Every structure is written in structure tokens, then in C-alpha cells.
């Protein structure tokens, strides 16, 4: 199940996200979700 969340980001990051989304045709939410999953995965490996 997915749940809506709200984050605050600097304008440069938002513009970069929009650009990547436009270029790849991947929705911004999916890009953010994938990035967060990668961070969680990396952190899990480092803390073992």
C-alpha cells in the first residue's frame, strides 16, 4: 500500500528532479521512491 508524504526540498533539487523525470518519462514520485530505497539499502549494508 502506498501513502502520500510531503517533503521540502531546495529549488535546485526540484528542478533537477523535474528535468530527469521529463527526460526519462519516469514520474517524479517513482524517482524519489527509488532513490530512497537505494539509500535505505546502502545504510542497511553499512550498519551490519
N, C-alpha and C. Protein backbone atom coordinates (compact mmCIF):
# COMPACT_ATOMS: atom_id res chain seq x y z
N UNK A 1 0.85 -1.19 0.00
CA UNK A 1 0.00 0.00 0.00
C UNK A 1 0.89 1.24 0.00
N UNK A 2 0.53 2.21 -0.78
CA UNK A 2 1.29 3.46 -0.85
C UNK A 2 0.60 4.52 -0.01
N UNK A 3 1.39 5.45 0.49
CA UNK A 3 0.89 6.52 1.35
C UNK A 3 1.51 7.83 0.90
N UNK A 4 0.72 8.87 0.85
CA UNK A 4 1.21 10.19 0.44
C UNK A 4 2.02 10.83 1.57
N UNK A 5 3.17 11.40 1.19
CA UNK A 5 4.02 12.13 2.14
C UNK A 5 4.42 13.47 1.52
N UNK A 6 4.83 14.38 2.36
CA UNK A 6 5.24 15.70 1.88
C UNK A 6 6.65 15.99 2.39
N UNK A 7 7.52 16.45 1.48
CA UNK A 7 8.89 16.82 1.84
C UNK A 7 9.16 18.22 1.32
N UNK A 8 10.10 18.88 1.95
CA UNK A 8 10.57 20.17 1.48
C UNK A 8 11.97 19.98 0.91
N UNK A 9 12.19 20.48 -0.31
CA UNK A 9 13.50 20.37 -0.96
C UNK A 9 13.89 21.72 -1.53
N UNK A 10 15.20 21.92 -1.69
CA UNK A 10 15.64 23.18 -2.28
C UNK A 10 15.26 23.21 -3.77
N UNK A 11 15.14 24.40 -4.30
CA UNK A 11 14.65 24.58 -5.68
C UNK A 11 15.55 23.90 -6.72
N UNK A 12 16.85 23.90 -6.48
CA UNK A 12 17.78 23.27 -7.42
C UNK A 12 17.51 21.77 -7.52
N UNK A 13 17.25 21.14 -6.38
CA UNK A 13 16.95 19.71 -6.37
C UNK A 13 15.64 19.42 -7.09
N UNK A 14 14.65 20.25 -6.87
CA UNK A 14 13.35 20.08 -7.51
C UNK A 14 13.48 20.23 -9.02
N UNK A 15 14.22 21.22 -9.46
CA UNK A 15 14.42 21.41 -10.90
C UNK A 15 15.15 20.23 -11.52
N UNK A 16 16.17 19.72 -10.80
CA UNK A 16 16.89 18.56 -11.29
C UNK A 16 16.00 17.34 -11.40
N UNK A 17 15.13 17.16 -10.40
CA UNK A 17 14.19 16.04 -10.41
C UNK A 17 13.22 16.16 -11.58
N UNK A 18 12.70 17.36 -11.80
CA UNK A 18 11.78 17.58 -12.93
C UNK A 18 12.46 17.28 -14.26
N UNK A 19 13.72 17.72 -14.39
CA UNK A 19 14.46 17.51 -15.64
C UNK A 19 14.66 16.01 -15.90
N UNK A 20 15.10 15.29 -14.88
CA UNK A 20 15.30 13.85 -15.05
C UNK A 20 13.97 13.16 -15.37
N UNK A 21 12.92 13.57 -14.70
CA UNK A 21 11.60 12.99 -14.95
C UNK A 21 11.16 13.23 -16.39
N UNK A 22 11.33 14.46 -16.86
CA UNK A 22 10.95 14.79 -18.24
C UNK A 22 11.78 14.00 -19.25
N UNK A 23 13.09 13.89 -18.99
CA UNK A 23 13.98 13.20 -19.93
C UNK A 23 13.74 11.70 -19.98
N UNK A 24 13.40 11.12 -18.82
CA UNK A 24 13.26 9.66 -18.75
C UNK A 24 11.81 9.20 -18.85
N UNK A 25 10.89 10.15 -18.74
CA UNK A 25 9.45 9.82 -18.73
C UNK A 25 9.07 8.98 -17.50
N UNK A 26 9.88 9.04 -16.46
CA UNK A 26 9.61 8.34 -15.21
C UNK A 26 9.02 9.37 -14.24
N UNK A 27 7.87 9.07 -13.64
CA UNK A 27 7.25 10.03 -12.72
C UNK A 27 8.19 10.41 -11.57
N UNK A 28 8.10 11.66 -11.16
CA UNK A 28 8.95 12.15 -10.08
C UNK A 28 8.82 11.29 -8.82
N UNK A 29 7.61 10.90 -8.48
CA UNK A 29 7.40 10.09 -7.28
C UNK A 29 8.16 8.78 -7.36
N UNK A 30 8.19 8.17 -8.55
CA UNK A 30 8.90 6.90 -8.70
C UNK A 30 10.41 7.11 -8.58
N UNK A 31 10.91 8.21 -9.13
CA UNK A 31 12.34 8.51 -9.00
C UNK A 31 12.73 8.72 -7.54
N UNK A 32 11.92 9.46 -6.81
CA UNK A 32 12.20 9.71 -5.39
C UNK A 32 12.12 8.40 -4.61
N UNK A 33 11.11 7.61 -4.88
CA UNK A 33 10.95 6.33 -4.18
C UNK A 33 12.17 5.44 -4.41
N UNK A 34 12.64 5.35 -5.65
CA UNK A 34 13.80 4.53 -5.97
C UNK A 34 15.04 5.05 -5.26
N UNK A 35 15.23 6.36 -5.25
CA UNK A 35 16.39 6.95 -4.58
C UNK A 35 16.38 6.65 -3.08
N UNK A 36 15.22 6.76 -2.46
CA UNK A 36 15.11 6.49 -1.03
C UNK A 36 15.38 5.01 -0.75
N UNK A 37 14.86 4.12 -1.60
CA UNK A 37 15.12 2.69 -1.43
C UNK A 37 16.62 2.39 -1.51
N UNK A 38 17.31 3.04 -2.45
CA UNK A 38 18.75 2.84 -2.59
C UNK A 38 19.50 3.31 -1.34
N UNK A 39 19.08 4.42 -0.77
CA UNK A 39 19.71 4.94 0.45
C UNK A 39 19.48 3.98 1.61
N UNK A 40 18.27 3.47 1.74
CA UNK A 40 17.95 2.52 2.81
C UNK A 40 18.78 1.25 2.66
N UNK A 41 18.87 0.75 1.44
CA UNK A 41 19.66 -0.45 1.16
C UNK A 41 21.13 -0.24 1.53
N UNK A 42 21.67 0.89 1.10
CA UNK A 42 23.08 1.22 1.38
C UNK A 42 23.30 1.31 2.89
N UNK A 43 22.40 1.97 3.58
CA UNK A 43 22.53 2.14 5.03
C UNK A 43 22.45 0.79 5.74
N UNK A 44 21.56 -0.09 5.28
CA UNK A 44 21.42 -1.41 5.88
C UNK A 44 22.71 -2.21 5.76
N UNK A 45 23.35 -2.13 4.60
CA UNK A 45 24.61 -2.86 4.37
C UNK A 45 25.72 -2.30 5.25
N UNK A 46 25.76 -0.97 5.40
CA UNK A 46 26.82 -0.33 6.17
C UNK A 46 26.68 -0.58 7.67
N UNK A 47 25.46 -0.76 8.15
CA UNK A 47 25.26 -0.92 9.59
C UNK A 47 25.33 -2.37 10.04
N UNK A 48 25.65 -3.28 9.12
CA UNK A 48 25.80 -4.70 9.51
C UNK A 48 27.21 -5.02 9.91
